[in-house]
Every structure is written in structure tokens, then in C-alpha cells.
C-alpha atoms as a PDB file:
ATOM      1  CA  MET A   1       0.000   0.000   0.000  1.00  0.00           C
ATOM      2  CA  GLY A   2       1.449   3.345  -1.055  1.00  0.00           C
ATOM      3  CA  ARG A   3       0.426   6.889  -0.268  1.00  0.00           C
ATOM      4  CA  ASN A   4      -2.977   8.445  -0.916  1.00  0.00           C
ATOM      5  CA  LYS A   5      -2.106  11.969   0.237  1.00  0.00           C
ATOM      6  CA  PHE A   6      -0.135  14.327  -2.027  1.00  0.00           C
ATOM      7  CA  SER A   7       0.591  17.997  -2.518  1.00  0.00           C
ATOM      8  CA  GLU A   8      -0.816  19.918  -5.491  1.00  0.00           C
ATOM      9  CA  ARG A   9       2.680  20.049  -6.965  1.00  0.00           C
ATOM     10  CA  GLU A  10       3.071  16.269  -6.665  1.00  0.00           C
ATOM     11  CA  ILE A  11      -0.340  15.635  -8.241  1.00  0.00           C
ATOM     12  CA  ASN A  12       0.532  17.858 -11.218  1.00  0.00           C
ATOM     13  CA  THR A  13       3.722  15.867 -11.772  1.00  0.00           C
ATOM     14  CA  ILE A  14       1.922  12.536 -11.360  1.00  0.00           C
ATOM     15  CA  ARG A  15      -0.731  13.663 -13.876  1.00  0.00           C
ATOM     16  CA  LYS A  16       1.986  14.407 -16.468  1.00  0.00           C
ATOM     17  CA  MET A  17       3.647  11.063 -15.819  1.00  0.00           C
ATOM     18  CA  LEU A  18       0.351   9.223 -16.250  1.00  0.00           C
ATOM     19  CA  ALA A  19      -0.220  11.010 -19.578  1.00  0.00           C
ATOM     20  CA  ARG A  20       3.240   9.881 -20.665  1.00  0.00           C
ATOM     21  CA  LYS A  21       2.393   6.329 -19.610  1.00  0.00           C
ATOM     22  CA  MET A  22      -0.817   6.296 -21.637  1.00  0.00           C
ATOM     23  CA  SER A  23       1.033   7.178 -24.850  1.00  0.00           C
ATOM     24  CA  GLY A  24       4.107   5.021 -24.255  1.00  0.00           C
ATOM     25  CA  THR A  25       5.193   1.537 -25.215  1.00  0.00           C
ATOM     26  CA  ARG A  26       4.767  -1.358 -22.763  1.00  0.00           C
ATOM     27  CA  PHE A  27       8.354  -0.894 -21.621  1.00  0.00           C
ATOM     28  CA  GLN A  28       7.859   2.851 -21.159  1.00  0.00           C
ATOM     29  CA  GLN A  29       4.645   2.209 -19.220  1.00  0.00           C
ATOM     30  CA  LYS A  30       6.524  -0.151 -16.929  1.00  0.00           C
ATOM     31  CA  MET A  31       9.239   2.457 -16.321  1.00  0.00           C
ATOM     32  CA  VAL A  32       6.656   5.139 -15.507  1.00  0.00           C
ATOM     33  CA  ARG A  33       4.968   2.811 -13.021  1.00  0.00           C
ATOM     34  CA  HIS A  34       8.317   2.161 -11.379  1.00  0.00           C
ATOM     35  CA  GLU A  35       9.086   5.887 -11.225  1.00  0.00           C
ATOM     36  CA  LEU A  36       5.694   6.609  -9.660  1.00  0.00           C
ATOM     37  CA  ARG A  37       6.306   3.987  -6.974  1.00  0.00           C
ATOM     38  CA  THR A  38       9.854   5.028  -6.127  1.00  0.00           C
ATOM     39  CA  LYS A  39       9.460   8.813  -6.323  1.00  0.00           C
ATOM     40  CA  PHE A  40       5.951   9.270  -4.952  1.00  0.00           C
ATOM     41  CA  GLU A  41       4.928   5.903  -3.428  1.00  0.00           C
ATOM     42  CA  PHE A  42       2.044   6.070  -5.903  1.00  0.00           C
ATOM     43  CA  ASN A  43       0.755   2.597  -6.754  1.00  0.00           C
ATOM     44  CA  ILE A  44      -1.719   2.563  -9.620  1.00  0.00           C
ATOM     45  CA  SER A  45      -3.145  -0.716  -8.302  1.00  0.00           C
ATOM     46  CA  ASP A  46      -4.313   1.117  -5.144  1.00  0.00           C
ATOM     47  CA  PHE A  47      -6.731   3.260  -7.166  1.00  0.00           C
ATOM     48  CA  GLY A  48      -7.376   1.664 -10.557  1.00  0.00           C
ATOM     49  CA  LYS A  49      -9.356  -1.423 -11.516  1.00  0.00           C
ATOM     50  CA  GLN A  50      -7.423  -4.471 -12.634  1.00  0.00           C
ATOM     51  CA  GLY A  51      -7.216  -4.703 -16.415  1.00  0.00           C
ATOM     52  CA  GLU A  52      -8.316  -1.099 -16.988  1.00  0.00           C
ATOM     53  CA  ALA A  53      -6.085   1.785 -18.024  1.00  0.00           C
ATOM     54  CA  PHE A  54      -5.259   4.407 -15.422  1.00  0.00           C
ATOM     55  CA  GLY A  55      -4.419   7.856 -16.761  1.00  0.00           C
ATOM     56  CA  PRO A  56      -4.968  11.529 -15.907  1.00  0.00           C
ATOM     57  CA  GLU A  57      -8.755  11.182 -16.174  1.00  0.00           C
ATOM     58  CA  GLN A  58      -8.828   8.290 -13.688  1.00  0.00           C
ATOM     59  CA  LEU A  59      -6.513  10.239 -11.393  1.00  0.00           C
ATOM     60  CA  ASP A  60      -8.951  13.167 -11.310  1.00  0.00           C
ATOM     61  CA  GLU A  61     -11.861  10.788 -10.665  1.00  0.00           C
ATOM     62  CA  SER A  62      -9.991   9.290  -7.698  1.00  0.00           C
ATOM     63  CA  ILE A  63      -9.458  12.800  -6.317  1.00  0.00           C
ATOM     64  CA  GLU A  64     -13.151  13.658  -6.752  1.00  0.00           C
ATOM     65  CA  ARG A  65     -14.195  10.458  -4.948  1.00  0.00           C
ATOM     66  CA  GLY A  66     -11.840  11.280  -2.082  1.00  0.00           C
ATOM     67  CA  HIS A  67      -9.658   8.218  -2.625  1.00  0.00           C
ATOM     68  CA  ILE A  68      -6.747  10.600  -3.190  1.00  0.00           C
ATOM     69  CA  GLN A  69      -6.379  13.681  -1.001  1.00  0.00           C
ATOM     70  CA  ILE A  70      -4.528  16.898  -1.783  1.00  0.00           C
ATOM     71  CA  LEU A  71      -2.898  18.546   1.238  1.00  0.00           C
ATOM     72  CA  ASP A  72      -0.599  21.521   1.744  1.00  0.00           C
ATOM     73  CA  GLU A  73       3.153  21.218   1.185  1.00  0.00           C
ATOM     74  CA  GLU A  74       4.140  21.421   4.868  1.00  0.00           C
ATOM     75  CA  THR A  75       1.722  18.656   5.880  1.00  0.00           C
ATOM     76  CA  ILE A  76       2.983  16.421   3.077  1.00  0.00           C
ATOM     77  CA  LYS A  77       6.600  17.130   3.993  1.00  0.00           C
ATOM     78  CA  ALA A  78       5.979  16.176   7.635  1.00  0.00           C
ATOM     79  CA  MET A  79       4.150  13.024   6.551  1.00  0.00           C
ATOM     80  CA  LYS A  80       6.960  11.986   4.208  1.00  0.00           C
ATOM     81  CA  PHE A  81       9.542  12.529   6.941  1.00  0.00           C
ATOM     82  CA  LYS A  82       7.521  10.381   9.336  1.00  0.00           C
ATOM     83  CA  ARG A  83       7.189   7.564   6.799  1.00  0.00           C
ATOM     84  CA  ALA A  84      10.860   7.797   5.889  1.00  0.00           C
ATOM     85  CA  ARG A  85      11.911   7.476   9.553  1.00  0.00           C
ATOM     86  CA  LEU A  86      10.379   4.013   9.653  1.00  0.00           C
ATOM     87  CA  ARG A  87      12.777   2.916   6.913  1.00  0.00           C
ATOM     88  CA  MET A  88      15.925   4.304   8.538  1.00  0.00           C
ATOM     89  CA  THR A  89      18.309   2.193  10.583  1.00  0.00           C
ATOM     90  CA  PHE A  90      21.600   3.167  12.181  1.00  0.00           C
ATOM     91  CA  ARG A  91      24.677   1.165  13.131  1.00  0.00           C
ATOM     92  CA  PRO A  92      28.294   1.724  14.166  1.00  0.00           C
ATOM     93  CA  ALA A  93      30.680   1.612  11.209  1.00  0.00           C
ATOM     94  CA  THR A  94      33.197  -1.220  10.828  1.00  0.00           C
ATOM     95  CA  GLU A  95      36.535  -1.429   9.046  1.00  0.00           C
ATOM     96  CA  ASN A  96      34.659  -2.853   6.050  1.00  0.00           C
ATOM     97  CA  ASP A  97      32.999   0.574   5.682  1.00  0.00           C
ATOM     98  CA  SER A  98      36.327   2.366   5.116  1.00  0.00           C
ATOM     99  CA  TYR A  99      35.600   3.344   1.512  1.00  0.00           C
ATOM    100  CA  PHE A 100      32.130   4.601   2.470  1.00  0.00           C
ATOM    101  CA  ILE A 101      33.662   6.724   5.260  1.00  0.00           C
ATOM    102  CA  ALA A 102      36.329   8.115   2.918  1.00  0.00           C
ATOM    103  CA  HIS A 103      33.701   8.893   0.279  1.00  0.00           C
ATOM    104  CA  GLY A 104      31.488  10.577   2.867  1.00  0.00           C
ATOM    105  CA  PHE A 105      34.357  12.715   4.151  1.00  0.00           C
ATOM    106  CA  HIS A 106      35.165  13.883   0.618  1.00  0.00           C
ATOM    107  CA  MET A 107      31.492  14.618   0.018  1.00  0.00           C
ATOM    108  CA  ALA A 108      31.177  16.608   3.256  1.00  0.00           C
ATOM    109  CA  MET A 109      34.261  18.652   2.357  1.00  0.00           C
ATOM    110  CA  HIS A 110      33.132  19.099  -1.279  1.00  0.00           C
ATOM    111  CA  TYR A 111      36.395  17.589  -2.512  1.00  0.00           C
ATOM    112  CA  LYS A 112      36.424  16.524  -6.166  1.00  0.00           C
ATOM    113  CA  HIS A 113      38.639  13.449  -6.166  1.00  0.00           C
ATOM    114  CA  SER A 114      38.584  10.337  -8.323  1.00  0.00           C
ATOM    115  CA  GLU A 115      37.359   6.957  -7.086  1.00  0.00           C
ATOM    116  CA  GLU A 116      40.967   5.783  -7.093  1.00  0.00           C
ATOM    117  CA  GLU A 117      42.027   8.676  -4.843  1.00  0.00           C
ATOM    118  CA  ILE A 118      39.126   8.049  -2.472  1.00  0.00           C
ATOM    119  CA  ALA A 119      39.962   4.348  -2.357  1.00  0.00           C
ATOM    120  CA  ARG A 120      43.585   5.185  -1.519  1.00  0.00           C
ATOM    121  CA  PHE A 121      42.440   7.570   1.235  1.00  0.00           C
ATOM    122  CA  ALA A 122      40.242   4.782   2.601  1.00  0.00           C
ATOM    123  CA  GLU A 123      43.020   2.195   2.545  1.00  0.00           C
ATOM    124  CA  LEU A 124      45.747   4.360   4.073  1.00  0.00           C
ATOM    125  CA  ILE A 125      43.695   6.331   6.592  1.00  0.00           C
ATOM    126  CA  CYS A 126      40.133   5.133   7.187  1.00  0.00           C
ATOM    127  CA  THR A 127      41.155   1.518   7.859  1.00  0.00           C
ATOM    128  CA  ARG A 128      43.088   2.677  10.934  1.00  0.00           C
ATOM    129  CA  ASP A 129      41.541   3.035  14.385  1.00  0.00           C
ATOM    130  CA  ASP A 130      43.728   5.920  15.618  1.00  0.00           C
ATOM    131  CA  VAL A 131      42.767   8.686  13.166  1.00  0.00           C
ATOM    132  CA  LEU A 132      39.897  11.176  12.924  1.00  0.00           C
ATOM    133  CA  TYR A 133      38.105   9.542   9.991  1.00  0.00           C
ATOM    134  CA  CYS A 134      37.847   5.970  11.219  1.00  0.00           C
ATOM    135  CA  ALA A 135      35.090   3.428  11.832  1.00  0.00           C
ATOM    136  CA  GLY A 136      35.252   3.916  15.597  1.00  0.00           C
ATOM    137  CA  ASN A 137      34.184   7.546  15.174  1.00  0.00           C
ATOM    138  CA  THR A 138      31.498   6.931  12.557  1.00  0.00           C
ATOM    139  CA  LEU A 139      27.799   6.115  12.534  1.00  0.00           C
ATOM    140  CA  ILE A 140      26.290   4.640   9.360  1.00  0.00           C
ATOM    141  CA  ALA A 141      22.700   5.359   8.283  1.00  0.00           C
ATOM    142  CA  GLU A 142      20.839   2.860   6.105  1.00  0.00           C
ATOM    143  CA  TYR A 143      17.589   3.404   4.227  1.00  0.00           C
ATOM    144  CA  ASN A 144      15.606   0.347   3.167  1.00  0.00           C
ATOM    145  CA  GLY A 145      18.722  -1.672   3.957  1.00  0.00           C
ATOM    146  CA  GLU A 146      20.994   0.395   1.703  1.00  0.00           C
ATOM    147  CA  MET A 147      23.869   2.520   3.029  1.00  0.00           C
ATOM    148  CA  ALA A 148      22.676   6.099   2.672  1.00  0.00           C
ATOM    149  CA  GLY A 149      24.642   8.444   4.957  1.00  0.00           C
ATOM    150  CA  MET A 150      27.217   8.774   7.712  1.00  0.00           C
ATOM    151  CA  LEU A 151      28.203  10.914  10.666  1.00  0.00           C
ATOM    152  CA  THR A 152      31.759  11.129  12.012  1.00  0.00           C
ATOM    153  CA  ALA A 153      32.013  12.587  15.529  1.00  0.00           C
ATOM    154  CA  TYR A 154      34.237  12.187  18.593  1.00  0.00           C
ATOM    155  CA  ASP A 155      35.270  13.311  22.063  1.00  0.00           C
ATOM    156  CA  GLY A 156      37.386  16.462  21.759  1.00  0.00           C
ATOM    157  CA  ARG A 157      39.949  15.331  24.354  1.00  0.00           C
ATOM    158  CA  TYR A 158      41.323  12.887  21.763  1.00  0.00           C
ATOM    159  CA  TYR A 159      41.230  15.398  18.924  1.00  0.00           C
ATOM    160  CA  HIS A 160      44.734  16.881  18.936  1.00  0.00           C
ATOM    161  CA  GLU A 161      46.524  13.524  19.026  1.00  0.00           C
ATOM    162  CA  MET A 162      44.294  12.070  16.307  1.00  0.00           C
ATOM    163  CA  ARG A 163      44.594  15.182  14.162  1.00  0.00           C
ATOM    164  CA  GLU A 164      48.394  15.163  14.237  1.00  0.00           C
ATOM    165  CA  ARG A 165      48.426  11.529  13.165  1.00  0.00           C
ATOM    166  CA  THR A 166      45.749  12.081  10.492  1.00  0.00           C
ATOM    167  CA  MET A 167      47.363  15.168   8.982  1.00  0.00           C
ATOM    168  CA  LYS A 168      50.765  13.510   8.937  1.00  0.00           C
ATOM    169  CA  LEU A 169      49.314  10.677   6.867  1.00  0.00           C
ATOM    170  CA  ILE A 170      47.527  13.115   4.553  1.00  0.00           C
ATOM    171  CA  LYS A 171      50.742  15.046   3.997  1.00  0.00           C
ATOM    172  CA  GLU A 172      52.824  11.902   3.536  1.00  0.00           C
ATOM    173  CA  TYR A 173      50.574  10.102   1.084  1.00  0.00           C
ATOM    174  CA  PHE A 174      48.585  12.869  -0.596  1.00  0.00           C
ATOM    175  CA  ASP A 175      51.057  15.766  -0.530  1.00  0.00           C
ATOM    176  CA  THR A 176      48.465  18.008   1.087  1.00  0.00           C
ATOM    177  CA  GLU A 177      48.810  20.057   4.241  1.00  0.00           C
ATOM    178  CA  PHE A 178      46.903  22.789   6.034  1.00  0.00           C
ATOM    179  CA  PRO A 179      49.277  25.229   7.751  1.00  0.00           C
ATOM    180  CA  ASP A 180      48.037  27.381  10.644  1.00  0.00           C
ATOM    181  CA  MET A 181      44.997  25.154  11.107  1.00  0.00           C
ATOM    182  CA  GLU A 182      43.286  25.696  14.447  1.00  0.00           C
ATOM    183  CA  ASP A 183      41.944  22.877  16.603  1.00  0.00           C
ATOM    184  CA  GLU A 184      38.399  22.039  15.599  1.00  0.00           C
ATOM    185  CA  ALA A 185      37.621  20.554  19.011  1.00  0.00           C
ATOM    186  CA  VAL A 186      38.944  20.720  22.565  1.00  0.00           C
ATOM    187  CA  GLU A 187      38.461  18.757  25.753  1.00  0.00           C
ATOM    188  CA  GLY A 188      34.906  19.004  27.045  1.00  0.00           C
ATOM    189  CA  GLU A 189      33.396  18.968  23.562  1.00  0.00           C
ATOM    190  CA  TYR A 190      31.771  16.312  21.442  1.00  0.00           C
ATOM    191  CA  TYR A 191      32.628  17.409  17.929  1.00  0.00           C
ATOM    192  CA  ILE A 192      30.483  16.562  14.907  1.00  0.00           C
ATOM    193  CA  ASP A 193      33.174  16.441  12.253  1.00  0.00           C
ATOM    194  CA  SER A 194      31.619  15.155   9.027  1.00  0.00           C
ATOM    195  CA  LEU A 195      28.027  14.653   7.904  1.00  0.00           C
ATOM    196  CA  ALA A 196      27.209  13.220   4.495  1.00  0.00           C
ATOM    197  CA  VAL A 197      23.996  11.976   2.900  1.00  0.00           C
ATOM    198  CA  TRP A 198      24.155  10.402  -0.548  1.00  0.00           C
ATOM    199  CA  PRO A 199      22.239  12.461  -3.161  1.00  0.00           C
ATOM    200  CA  GLN A 200      19.478   9.920  -3.817  1.00  0.00           C
ATOM    201  CA  TYR A 201      18.548   9.923  -0.118  1.00  0.00           C
ATOM    202  CA  ARG A 202      18.422  13.664   0.476  1.00  0.00           C
ATOM    203  CA  GLY A 203      15.244  15.493   1.361  1.00  0.00           C
ATOM    204  CA  ILE A 204      13.778  12.770   3.611  1.00  0.00           C
ATOM    205  CA  GLY A 205      15.247  13.876   6.939  1.00  0.00           C
ATOM    206  CA  LEU A 206      18.194  11.486   7.023  1.00  0.00           C
ATOM    207  CA  GLY A 207      20.727  14.232   7.800  1.00  0.00           C
ATOM    208  CA  THR A 208      18.532  15.493  10.634  1.00  0.00           C
ATOM    209  CA  ALA A 209      18.209  11.981  12.058  1.00  0.00           C
ATOM    210  CA  LEU A 210      21.999  11.523  12.018  1.00  0.00           C
ATOM    211  CA  LEU A 211      22.555  14.875  13.714  1.00  0.00           C
ATOM    212  CA  GLU A 212      19.989  14.043  16.384  1.00  0.00           C
ATOM    213  CA  ARG A 213      21.918  10.894  17.202  1.00  0.00           C
ATOM    214  CA  GLY A 214      25.172  12.825  17.310  1.00  0.00           C
ATOM    215  CA  ILE A 215      23.636  15.348  19.712  1.00  0.00           C
ATOM    216  CA  ALA A 216      22.218  12.570  21.891  1.00  0.00           C
ATOM    217  CA  GLU A 217      25.602  10.834  22.125  1.00  0.00           C
ATOM    218  CA  GLY A 218      27.387  14.042  23.075  1.00  0.00           C
ATOM    219  CA  LEU A 219      24.832  14.797  25.788  1.00  0.00           C
ATOM    220  CA  ARG A 220      25.049  11.215  27.056  1.00  0.00           C
ATOM    221  CA  LEU A 221      28.793  11.758  27.545  1.00  0.00           C
ATOM    222  CA  GLY A 222      28.124  15.038  29.345  1.00  0.00           C
ATOM    223  CA  LEU A 223      29.924  17.115  26.709  1.00  0.00           C
ATOM    224  CA  ASN A 224      29.147  20.302  24.789  1.00  0.00           C
ATOM    225  CA  VAL A 225      28.141  19.356  21.253  1.00  0.00           C
ATOM    226  CA  THR A 226      29.882  21.455  18.584  1.00  0.00           C
ATOM    227  CA  LEU A 227      30.352  21.579  14.834  1.00  0.00           C
ATOM    228  CA  THR A 228      31.614  23.949  12.141  1.00  0.00           C
ATOM    229  CA  VAL A 229      29.898  25.250   9.030  1.00  0.00           C
ATOM    230  CA  ASP A 230      30.916  27.148   5.923  1.00  0.00           C
ATOM    231  CA  PRO A 231      29.680  30.771   6.260  1.00  0.00           C
ATOM    232  CA  LYS A 232      28.324  30.527   2.705  1.00  0.00           C
ATOM    233  CA  ASN A 233      26.290  27.377   3.343  1.00  0.00           C
ATOM    234  CA  LYS A 234      22.969  28.927   4.349  1.00  0.00           C
ATOM    235  CA  ASN A 235      21.025  25.650   4.093  1.00  0.00           C
ATOM    236  CA  ALA A 236      23.326  23.892   6.560  1.00  0.00           C
ATOM    237  CA  GLN A 237      23.220  26.876   8.909  1.00  0.00           C
ATOM    238  CA  SER A 238      19.426  26.799   8.898  1.00  0.00           C
ATOM    239  CA  LEU A 239      19.381  23.062   9.611  1.00  0.00           C
ATOM    240  CA  TYR A 240      21.816  23.371  12.512  1.00  0.00           C
ATOM    241  CA  ALA A 241      19.949  26.356  13.956  1.00  0.00           C
ATOM    242  CA  SER A 242      16.652  24.445  13.777  1.00  0.00           C
ATOM    243  CA  LEU A 243      18.193  21.711  15.926  1.00  0.00           C
ATOM    244  CA  GLY A 244      19.458  24.119  18.571  1.00  0.00           C
ATOM    245  CA  PHE A 245      22.958  25.134  17.421  1.00  0.00           C
ATOM    246  CA  GLU A 246      24.088  28.735  17.801  1.00  0.00           C
ATOM    247  CA  ARG A 247      27.090  30.494  16.312  1.00  0.00           C
ATOM    248  CA  ASP A 248      29.994  30.532  18.750  1.00  0.00           C
ATOM    249  CA  GLY A 249      32.991  32.168  17.038  1.00  0.00           C
ATOM    250  CA  GLU A 250      35.134  31.285  14.019  1.00  0.00           C
ATOM    251  CA  LEU A 251      37.864  28.772  13.263  1.00  0.00           C
ATOM    252  CA  PHE A 252      40.514  28.686  10.538  1.00  0.00           C
ATOM    253  CA  ILE A 253      40.509  25.085   9.326  1.00  0.00           C
ATOM    254  CA  PHE A 254      41.350  23.381   6.051  1.00  0.00           C
ATOM    255  CA  GLY A 255      42.643  26.646   4.639  1.00  0.00           C
ATOM    256  CA  LYS A 256      39.540  28.799   5.213  1.00  0.00           C
ATOM    257  CA  ASN A 257      37.402  30.375   7.905  1.00  0.00           C
ATOM    258  CA  TYR A 258      34.424  28.447   9.267  1.00  0.00           C
ATOM    259  CA  TRP A 259      31.765  29.339  11.797  1.00  0.00           C
ATOM    260  CA  LYS A 260      31.832  27.302  14.968  1.00  0.00           C
ATOM    261  CA  MET A 261      28.412  26.419  16.371  1.00  0.00           C
ATOM    262  CA  THR A 262      27.484  25.021  19.788  1.00  0.00           C
ATOM    263  CA  TYR A 263      24.341  23.121  20.694  1.00  0.00           C
ATOM    264  CA  HIS A 264      22.186  24.798  23.334  1.00  0.00           C
ATOM    265  CA  LYS A 265      19.497  22.608  24.797  1.00  0.00           C
ATOM    266  CA  SER A 266      16.128  24.370  24.708  1.00  0.00           C
END
């Protein structure tokens, strides 16, 4: 059973897709059905009669009969988030997730590296247990059983030692260094270092769910929860602020200035 509640915008898109299905080949019809299920959780079998065509006209009839409801965007967004939460699972990362962690770190930092470079980063750094970007510091998010996102975070009292080791490896193997870099975290803090959600899983609240778990872990340890954000990344700033983070100074890290933000429990 799929959804029967949609926004006006979603219904308009579904109507166009159904029109495309009606004029397509059998293969094209099958692809449209698949797209309707995966993008909108719209199952034609929930509304149409077996053996009869279901197009824009039948869609409008279903709306008139009340079998399909049109709600406002905010209500639909909240509903989709709630449904998506039921499909999310979370687990500690293992050494076998090293490539996923390396890929997530590069994604979070907006680095444009090849798969070979990411794989090398994973092998030489993320397979270790004494560096910043390791399995022991990472939580993996899965959606419908597929790896979909990750959060790397840690106790700040271990930061300086791990950073020196991590940056030494980065300089040695990748000929990259970051002079004059300030400490991202200090003792007494639980630092959320890297958050990444794979593109196909964005917009369903997965990043928020990961951050909530990071906040909960930091509070469980009795630490101040902190993170940094690019001053130009307004979307990330809004997300962090909505969860209770407030700007708390600036840090020069990875060759540029970032805002530091601290979680304040409401």
C-alpha cells in the first residue's frame, strides 16, 4: 500500500507522468509505473481497476471520490519525513565501511577526487583506528537496507593527538597540508566532524536523524556538542539552527574560515 495523500505540486507531476504512460510503449509504461512507486509511493493498483487503463482522467476521478487527497506542502513534507523514519536504521561503522567513510568525508568537504584517490584515502587512513576519519568515530545510516549516509564525531579530548596523526598521513601520502589550522575541538566537547547523505537519499530527513543521534551521544557523555559550518552554506546553517545550534565564534581550518556552532538545549 502506497500513499494516498499528495501535494498539489506532486499531483501535477503525477498527472503528467500518467499522460506519458498512456502514450508510451509497454516498456515505457513499466518504467513510468516504477518511477511513480519510487518517487511518490504512488501505486496505480491502489486506485485503478485491474485490467483497466489508469491515466490523468482516472486520477482526477480518484481525487473527486476522495480516494486521493490533496494537502498543503508542509503537511505532506511532515508526513513523508515520518514515513521515511520508519525505513531508517543506524549502526556503528566497521573497518569494512572504510571506503564509504572516505567517500562521505570527501562529500562533506566538497572535494572533487577520483574513485581511485578516495579508495587510496580509505586504505591508508580510514582503515586505521587511531585517526579522525575511522570506523570507531562513525555512525552509518541505512535506508531500506541500503547505506545512505554517515556521521563522524568524537570526544574532543582525543582530537589533537588524532589530528596530528591524520594530517601527517595526509601530507605523507597525498602531498596536502593545512598550515596554521586551528583545533576544531577541545576537551569538554563532542565534535560533529563530518556529515554526508548520498544524493538519492536527500530530502527525507536522514541528515537530521543523524545529527539528532550525534547530539544525543554528546549529551550522554556530558559534553558540549559542537560543529563547524561554511559561512556561505545557508542551508546547513538553517538546519543546525533548527536543531538548537548557535554560532559561537570562528575557526581557521582546512585553509579557510568556518563558523563554529554550539548546541544549546532548549
